[in-house]
């Protein structure tokens, strides 16, 4: 039996077909980008809400015998004040 030889021919692709495929690809890329941005914004929103909740609630930062109860804002402010004083003290006059 003799094998038949076929030569592959390129399909007829017009510029409109290429433009249509490129448009679909760009639309899918845009959709993926928007979905990733929405997911990232949702994650950022949850992070900001949890940080705000931590900053505004009262916490016990020491042991149970002599409690030091401060909000997160007070804790950060005290830390910033300590850093400022340490910087001023460490400057060589």
C-alpha atoms as a PDB file:
ATOM      1  CA  UNK A   1       0.000   0.000   0.000  1.00  0.00           C
ATOM      2  CA  UNK A   2       1.368   3.335  -0.995  1.00  0.00           C
ATOM      3  CA  UNK A   3       1.242   6.207   1.526  1.00  0.00           C
ATOM      4  CA  UNK A   4      -0.372   9.363   0.355  1.00  0.00           C
ATOM      5  CA  UNK A   5       1.625  12.496   0.833  1.00  0.00           C
ATOM      6  CA  UNK A   6      -0.244  15.621   1.814  1.00  0.00           C
ATOM      7  CA  UNK A   7       1.292  18.990   2.049  1.00  0.00           C
ATOM      8  CA  UNK A   8      -0.076  21.105   4.860  1.00  0.00           C
ATOM      9  CA  UNK A   9      -1.322  24.433   3.738  1.00  0.00           C
ATOM     10  CA  UNK A  10      -1.727  27.437   5.958  1.00  0.00           C
ATOM     11  CA  UNK A  11      -5.312  28.417   6.600  1.00  0.00           C
ATOM     12  CA  UNK A  12      -6.502  31.657   5.180  1.00  0.00           C
ATOM     13  CA  UNK A  13      -6.096  34.133   8.033  1.00  0.00           C
ATOM     14  CA  UNK A  14      -7.205  37.640   7.438  1.00  0.00           C
ATOM     15  CA  UNK A  15      -6.215  40.797   9.280  1.00  0.00           C
ATOM     16  CA  UNK A  16      -9.720  40.928  10.765  1.00  0.00           C
ATOM     17  CA  UNK A  17      -9.224  37.448  12.288  1.00  0.00           C
ATOM     18  CA  UNK A  18      -5.933  38.533  13.825  1.00  0.00           C
ATOM     19  CA  UNK A  19      -7.473  41.746  15.172  1.00  0.00           C
ATOM     20  CA  UNK A  20     -10.432  39.806  16.607  1.00  0.00           C
ATOM     21  CA  UNK A  21      -8.116  37.313  18.342  1.00  0.00           C
ATOM     22  CA  UNK A  22      -5.932  40.106  19.670  1.00  0.00           C
ATOM     23  CA  UNK A  23      -9.011  41.900  20.993  1.00  0.00           C
ATOM     24  CA  UNK A  24     -10.177  38.739  22.772  1.00  0.00           C
ATOM     25  CA  UNK A  25      -6.720  38.247  24.267  1.00  0.00           C
ATOM     26  CA  UNK A  26      -6.562  41.839  25.490  1.00  0.00           C
ATOM     27  CA  UNK A  27     -10.081  41.593  26.937  1.00  0.00           C
ATOM     28  CA  UNK A  28      -9.141  38.431  28.849  1.00  0.00           C
ATOM     29  CA  UNK A  29      -5.923  40.038  30.104  1.00  0.00           C
ATOM     30  CA  UNK A  30      -7.863  43.098  31.254  1.00  0.00           C
ATOM     31  CA  UNK A  31     -10.443  40.898  32.996  1.00  0.00           C
ATOM     32  CA  UNK A  32      -7.667  38.981  34.789  1.00  0.00           C
ATOM     33  CA  UNK A  33      -5.975  42.227  35.827  1.00  0.00           C
ATOM     34  CA  UNK A  34      -9.225  43.658  37.184  1.00  0.00           C
ATOM     35  CA  UNK A  35      -9.932  40.471  39.137  1.00  0.00           C
ATOM     36  CA  UNK A  36      -6.434  40.549  40.666  1.00  0.00           C
ATOM     37  CA  UNK A  37      -6.848  44.211  41.585  1.00  0.00           C
ATOM     38  CA  UNK A  38     -10.234  43.533  43.190  1.00  0.00           C
ATOM     39  CA  UNK A  39      -8.736  40.678  45.197  1.00  0.00           C
ATOM     40  CA  UNK A  40      -5.808  42.851  46.296  1.00  0.00           C
ATOM     41  CA  UNK A  41      -8.126  45.720  47.277  1.00  0.00           C
ATOM     42  CA  UNK A  42     -10.264  43.319  49.293  1.00  0.00           C
ATOM     43  CA  UNK A  43      -7.183  42.021  51.088  1.00  0.00           C
ATOM     44  CA  UNK A  44      -5.969  45.572  51.748  1.00  0.00           C
ATOM     45  CA  UNK A  45      -9.377  46.560  53.089  1.00  0.00           C
ATOM     46  CA  UNK A  46      -9.426  43.610  55.492  1.00  0.00           C
ATOM     47  CA  UNK A  47      -5.890  44.458  56.652  1.00  0.00           C
ATOM     48  CA  UNK A  48      -6.768  48.119  57.247  1.00  0.00           C
ATOM     49  CA  UNK A  49      -9.897  47.184  59.179  1.00  0.00           C
ATOM     50  CA  UNK A  50      -8.004  44.763  61.417  1.00  0.00           C
ATOM     51  CA  UNK A  51      -5.259  47.348  62.063  1.00  0.00           C
ATOM     52  CA  UNK A  52      -7.864  50.008  62.920  1.00  0.00           C
ATOM     53  CA  UNK A  53      -9.557  47.561  65.253  1.00  0.00           C
ATOM     54  CA  UNK A  54      -6.233  46.808  66.980  1.00  0.00           C
ATOM     55  CA  UNK A  55      -5.378  50.517  67.286  1.00  0.00           C
ATOM     56  CA  UNK A  56      -8.692  51.393  68.910  1.00  0.00           C
ATOM     57  CA  UNK A  57      -9.078  48.522  71.391  1.00  0.00           C
ATOM     58  CA  UNK A  58      -7.505  48.420  74.823  1.00  0.00           C
ATOM     59  CA  UNK A  59      -4.698  45.905  75.402  1.00  0.00           C
ATOM     60  CA  UNK A  60      -2.809  44.653  78.424  1.00  0.00           C
ATOM     61  CA  UNK A  61       0.888  45.012  77.563  1.00  0.00           C
ATOM     62  CA  UNK A  62       2.311  43.684  80.845  1.00  0.00           C
ATOM     63  CA  UNK A  63       1.702  40.854  83.276  1.00  0.00           C
ATOM     64  CA  UNK A  64      -1.505  40.318  85.213  1.00  0.00           C
ATOM     65  CA  UNK A  65      -0.207  41.575  88.573  1.00  0.00           C
ATOM     66  CA  UNK A  66       0.500  45.161  87.554  1.00  0.00           C
ATOM     67  CA  UNK A  67      -1.422  45.716  84.311  1.00  0.00           C
ATOM     68  CA  UNK A  68      -0.573  48.469  81.884  1.00  0.00           C
ATOM     69  CA  UNK A  69      -3.669  48.939  79.759  1.00  0.00           C
ATOM     70  CA  UNK A  70      -3.313  51.131  76.662  1.00  0.00           C
ATOM     71  CA  UNK A  71      -4.858  51.407  73.234  1.00  0.00           C
ATOM     72  CA  UNK A  72      -2.766  50.669  70.179  1.00  0.00           C
ATOM     73  CA  UNK A  73      -2.503  54.392  69.456  1.00  0.00           C
ATOM     74  CA  UNK A  74      -1.071  55.044  72.919  1.00  0.00           C
ATOM     75  CA  UNK A  75       1.375  52.152  72.536  1.00  0.00           C
ATOM     76  CA  UNK A  76       2.641  53.447  69.178  1.00  0.00           C
ATOM     77  CA  UNK A  77       2.822  57.013  70.494  1.00  0.00           C
ATOM     78  CA  UNK A  78       4.842  55.902  73.495  1.00  0.00           C
ATOM     79  CA  UNK A  79       7.192  53.969  71.190  1.00  0.00           C
ATOM     80  CA  UNK A  80       7.620  56.998  68.906  1.00  0.00           C
ATOM     81  CA  UNK A  81       8.345  59.190  71.939  1.00  0.00           C
ATOM     82  CA  UNK A  82      10.951  56.740  73.210  1.00  0.00           C
ATOM     83  CA  UNK A  83      12.620  56.618  69.774  1.00  0.00           C
ATOM     84  CA  UNK A  84      12.691  60.432  69.627  1.00  0.00           C
ATOM     85  CA  UNK A  85      14.223  60.740  73.105  1.00  0.00           C
ATOM     86  CA  UNK A  86      16.795  58.019  72.323  1.00  0.00           C
ATOM     87  CA  UNK A  87      17.755  59.852  69.120  1.00  0.00           C
ATOM     88  CA  UNK A  88      18.109  63.182  70.915  1.00  0.00           C
ATOM     89  CA  UNK A  89      20.189  61.615  73.690  1.00  0.00           C
ATOM     90  CA  UNK A  90      22.462  59.804  71.227  1.00  0.00           C
ATOM     91  CA  UNK A  91      23.393  63.004  69.338  1.00  0.00           C
ATOM     92  CA  UNK A  92      26.894  64.137  70.209  1.00  0.00           C
ATOM     93  CA  UNK A  93      26.737  67.709  71.427  1.00  0.00           C
END
